[in-house]
N, C-alpha and C. Protein backbone atom coordinates (compact mmCIF):
# COMPACT_ATOMS: atom_id res chain seq x y z
N MET A 1 31.67 -5.06 7.48
CA MET A 1 31.68 -3.89 6.64
C MET A 1 32.77 -4.03 5.59
N SER A 2 32.48 -3.59 4.40
CA SER A 2 33.41 -3.73 3.27
C SER A 2 34.49 -2.66 3.33
N ASN A 3 35.67 -3.00 2.80
CA ASN A 3 36.78 -2.06 2.73
C ASN A 3 36.85 -1.36 1.36
N LEU A 4 35.83 -1.56 0.55
CA LEU A 4 35.80 -0.92 -0.77
C LEU A 4 35.60 0.58 -0.62
N PRO A 5 36.29 1.37 -1.44
CA PRO A 5 36.12 2.82 -1.35
C PRO A 5 34.70 3.23 -1.78
N ILE A 6 34.19 4.24 -1.15
CA ILE A 6 32.86 4.75 -1.49
C ILE A 6 33.03 6.02 -2.31
N LYS A 7 32.33 6.07 -3.41
CA LYS A 7 32.41 7.25 -4.26
C LYS A 7 31.01 7.86 -4.35
N VAL A 8 30.90 9.13 -4.04
CA VAL A 8 29.62 9.83 -4.13
C VAL A 8 29.51 10.44 -5.52
N VAL A 9 28.43 10.10 -6.18
CA VAL A 9 28.21 10.61 -7.53
C VAL A 9 27.02 11.55 -7.48
N PRO A 10 27.23 12.82 -7.89
CA PRO A 10 26.08 13.74 -7.90
C PRO A 10 25.06 13.31 -8.95
N VAL A 11 23.81 13.37 -8.57
CA VAL A 11 22.74 12.96 -9.46
C VAL A 11 21.83 14.16 -9.71
N GLU A 12 21.53 14.41 -10.98
CA GLU A 12 20.59 15.48 -11.31
C GLU A 12 19.19 14.93 -11.09
N THR A 13 18.45 15.61 -10.25
CA THR A 13 17.12 15.12 -9.92
C THR A 13 16.13 15.36 -11.06
N ARG A 14 15.09 14.57 -11.07
CA ARG A 14 14.03 14.73 -12.07
C ARG A 14 13.36 16.10 -11.92
N THR A 15 13.25 16.55 -10.65
CA THR A 15 12.59 17.84 -10.40
C THR A 15 13.35 18.96 -11.10
N LYS A 16 14.66 18.93 -11.02
CA LYS A 16 15.46 19.97 -11.67
C LYS A 16 15.26 19.93 -13.18
N LYS A 17 15.25 18.75 -13.77
CA LYS A 17 15.04 18.63 -15.21
C LYS A 17 13.65 19.13 -15.58
N ARG A 18 12.65 18.79 -14.77
CA ARG A 18 11.28 19.23 -15.04
C ARG A 18 11.19 20.76 -14.94
N ASN A 19 11.84 21.35 -13.92
CA ASN A 19 11.81 22.81 -13.78
C ASN A 19 12.42 23.48 -15.00
N GLU A 20 13.50 22.93 -15.51
CA GLU A 20 14.12 23.49 -16.69
C GLU A 20 13.18 23.38 -17.89
N GLY A 21 12.46 22.29 -18.00
CA GLY A 21 11.50 22.11 -19.08
C GLY A 21 10.36 23.12 -19.00
N VAL A 22 9.90 23.39 -17.78
CA VAL A 22 8.84 24.38 -17.58
C VAL A 22 9.35 25.76 -18.00
N ALA A 23 10.55 26.12 -17.56
CA ALA A 23 11.11 27.42 -17.91
C ALA A 23 11.28 27.56 -19.42
N THR A 24 11.74 26.50 -20.07
CA THR A 24 11.93 26.53 -21.53
C THR A 24 10.59 26.70 -22.24
N THR A 25 9.57 25.96 -21.79
CA THR A 25 8.25 26.06 -22.40
C THR A 25 7.69 27.46 -22.24
N LEU A 26 7.79 28.02 -21.05
CA LEU A 26 7.28 29.38 -20.84
C LEU A 26 8.05 30.40 -21.69
N GLN A 27 9.35 30.24 -21.80
CA GLN A 27 10.15 31.15 -22.61
C GLN A 27 9.76 31.05 -24.07
N ASN A 28 9.50 29.84 -24.55
CA ASN A 28 9.05 29.67 -25.93
C ASN A 28 7.76 30.45 -26.18
N PHE A 29 6.83 30.41 -25.23
CA PHE A 29 5.60 31.16 -25.41
C PHE A 29 5.82 32.66 -25.29
N LEU A 30 6.71 33.08 -24.43
CA LEU A 30 7.03 34.52 -24.36
C LEU A 30 7.62 35.00 -25.68
N ASP A 31 8.42 34.17 -26.32
CA ASP A 31 8.98 34.52 -27.63
C ASP A 31 7.86 34.65 -28.67
N ILE A 32 6.88 33.75 -28.61
CA ILE A 32 5.74 33.83 -29.54
C ILE A 32 4.95 35.11 -29.29
N VAL A 33 4.72 35.45 -28.03
CA VAL A 33 3.95 36.65 -27.68
C VAL A 33 4.65 37.90 -28.22
N SER A 34 5.96 37.92 -28.19
CA SER A 34 6.68 39.12 -28.64
C SER A 34 6.67 39.26 -30.15
N THR A 35 6.39 38.19 -30.90
CA THR A 35 6.42 38.27 -32.36
C THR A 35 5.06 38.11 -33.02
N GLU A 36 4.08 37.59 -32.30
CA GLU A 36 2.75 37.35 -32.87
C GLU A 36 1.69 37.96 -31.95
N ASN A 37 0.53 38.13 -32.49
CA ASN A 37 -0.57 38.72 -31.73
C ASN A 37 -1.46 37.62 -31.17
N LEU A 38 -1.08 37.04 -30.05
CA LEU A 38 -1.92 36.02 -29.40
C LEU A 38 -3.08 36.71 -28.72
N THR A 39 -4.26 36.13 -28.85
CA THR A 39 -5.43 36.74 -28.22
C THR A 39 -5.94 35.96 -27.03
N GLY A 40 -5.53 34.73 -26.86
CA GLY A 40 -5.97 33.93 -25.74
C GLY A 40 -4.91 32.93 -25.31
N ILE A 41 -4.98 32.54 -24.05
CA ILE A 41 -4.03 31.56 -23.53
C ILE A 41 -4.66 30.84 -22.33
N ALA A 42 -4.32 29.57 -22.18
CA ALA A 42 -4.74 28.79 -21.01
C ALA A 42 -3.50 28.10 -20.46
N ILE A 43 -3.34 28.15 -19.16
CA ILE A 43 -2.16 27.57 -18.52
C ILE A 43 -2.61 26.63 -17.41
N ALA A 44 -2.05 25.44 -17.37
CA ALA A 44 -2.28 24.50 -16.28
C ALA A 44 -0.92 24.07 -15.75
N ALA A 45 -0.77 23.99 -14.45
CA ALA A 45 0.54 23.64 -13.87
C ALA A 45 0.35 22.77 -12.63
N VAL A 46 1.38 21.99 -12.33
CA VAL A 46 1.43 21.17 -11.13
C VAL A 46 2.72 21.52 -10.40
N ASP A 47 2.62 21.86 -9.12
CA ASP A 47 3.84 22.22 -8.37
C ASP A 47 4.46 20.97 -7.73
N ALA A 48 5.58 21.17 -7.07
CA ALA A 48 6.36 20.06 -6.52
C ALA A 48 5.58 19.29 -5.44
N GLN A 49 4.60 19.93 -4.81
CA GLN A 49 3.80 19.26 -3.79
C GLN A 49 2.59 18.54 -4.39
N GLY A 50 2.39 18.69 -5.70
CA GLY A 50 1.28 18.03 -6.36
C GLY A 50 0.02 18.88 -6.49
N PHE A 51 0.09 20.13 -6.04
CA PHE A 51 -1.05 21.03 -6.17
C PHE A 51 -1.14 21.53 -7.60
N THR A 52 -2.35 21.76 -8.09
CA THR A 52 -2.54 22.24 -9.44
C THR A 52 -2.89 23.72 -9.44
N HIS A 53 -2.52 24.38 -10.52
CA HIS A 53 -2.77 25.80 -10.71
C HIS A 53 -3.23 26.00 -12.15
N CYS A 54 -4.12 26.96 -12.34
CA CYS A 54 -4.53 27.27 -13.71
C CYS A 54 -4.86 28.74 -13.84
N ALA A 55 -4.74 29.21 -15.07
CA ALA A 55 -5.04 30.60 -15.39
C ALA A 55 -5.39 30.67 -16.86
N PHE A 56 -6.15 31.69 -17.22
CA PHE A 56 -6.45 31.85 -18.65
C PHE A 56 -6.79 33.28 -18.97
N GLU A 57 -6.60 33.61 -20.22
CA GLU A 57 -7.09 34.84 -20.84
C GLU A 57 -7.89 34.37 -22.02
N GLY A 58 -9.20 34.55 -21.97
CA GLY A 58 -10.10 33.99 -22.97
C GLY A 58 -9.92 34.51 -24.38
N GLY A 59 -9.47 35.72 -24.50
CA GLY A 59 -9.26 36.29 -25.82
C GLY A 59 -10.57 36.61 -26.54
N GLU A 60 -10.49 36.65 -27.84
CA GLU A 60 -11.63 37.07 -28.66
C GLU A 60 -12.64 35.95 -28.89
N ASN A 61 -12.19 34.68 -28.83
CA ASN A 61 -13.09 33.57 -29.14
C ASN A 61 -12.83 32.44 -28.15
N ILE A 62 -13.62 32.40 -27.09
CA ILE A 62 -13.41 31.40 -26.04
C ILE A 62 -13.58 29.99 -26.56
N ALA A 63 -14.45 29.78 -27.56
CA ALA A 63 -14.66 28.45 -28.12
C ALA A 63 -13.38 27.93 -28.77
N THR A 64 -12.66 28.79 -29.44
CA THR A 64 -11.38 28.38 -30.05
C THR A 64 -10.37 27.99 -28.99
N LEU A 65 -10.34 28.75 -27.90
CA LEU A 65 -9.41 28.41 -26.80
C LEU A 65 -9.80 27.07 -26.18
N ILE A 66 -11.09 26.83 -26.00
CA ILE A 66 -11.55 25.55 -25.44
C ILE A 66 -11.13 24.40 -26.37
N GLY A 67 -11.25 24.61 -27.67
CA GLY A 67 -10.80 23.60 -28.62
C GLY A 67 -9.31 23.34 -28.52
N SER A 68 -8.55 24.40 -28.32
CA SER A 68 -7.11 24.24 -28.16
C SER A 68 -6.76 23.48 -26.90
N VAL A 69 -7.50 23.73 -25.82
CA VAL A 69 -7.29 22.99 -24.57
C VAL A 69 -7.64 21.52 -24.77
N ALA A 70 -8.70 21.22 -25.51
CA ALA A 70 -9.05 19.83 -25.79
C ALA A 70 -7.95 19.14 -26.60
N ARG A 71 -7.37 19.88 -27.55
CA ARG A 71 -6.26 19.34 -28.34
C ARG A 71 -5.06 19.04 -27.44
N LEU A 72 -4.79 19.94 -26.51
CA LEU A 72 -3.69 19.72 -25.56
C LEU A 72 -3.97 18.52 -24.67
N GLN A 73 -5.21 18.36 -24.25
CA GLN A 73 -5.58 17.20 -23.43
C GLN A 73 -5.27 15.91 -24.18
N LYS A 74 -5.61 15.86 -25.44
CA LYS A 74 -5.31 14.66 -26.26
C LYS A 74 -3.82 14.43 -26.33
N ARG A 75 -3.04 15.49 -26.55
CA ARG A 75 -1.59 15.37 -26.61
C ARG A 75 -1.02 14.84 -25.29
N LEU A 76 -1.56 15.33 -24.17
CA LEU A 76 -1.10 14.85 -22.85
C LEU A 76 -1.41 13.37 -22.67
N LEU A 77 -2.60 12.95 -23.06
CA LEU A 77 -2.95 11.54 -22.94
C LEU A 77 -2.08 10.67 -23.84
N ASP A 78 -1.81 11.13 -25.05
CA ASP A 78 -0.91 10.39 -25.96
C ASP A 78 0.49 10.31 -25.38
N PHE A 79 0.96 11.40 -24.77
CA PHE A 79 2.29 11.44 -24.17
C PHE A 79 2.38 10.43 -23.02
N GLN A 80 1.32 10.38 -22.20
CA GLN A 80 1.31 9.48 -21.05
C GLN A 80 1.36 8.02 -21.49
N GLU A 81 0.67 7.71 -22.59
CA GLU A 81 0.63 6.34 -23.08
C GLU A 81 1.94 5.92 -23.74
N GLY A 82 2.77 6.90 -24.07
CA GLY A 82 4.07 6.60 -24.65
C GLY A 82 4.00 6.60 -26.12
């Protein structure tokens, strides 16, 4: 066994950083809701156990919301590819 001193360094976990990102994203949308008249929204989420959750308010034009979800899907795929 080595006689070198052991130093414990606290590490910020990825989960904590991700949670903060989720909170920031939701707050950004709450800010938009308070200043603009949003008519539809779609939300998809993944929890720490890997389960997925989704919710939506279709608004006045469901086709426009579907188009927005497709745009988000493309952005997610681009993000994954780097």
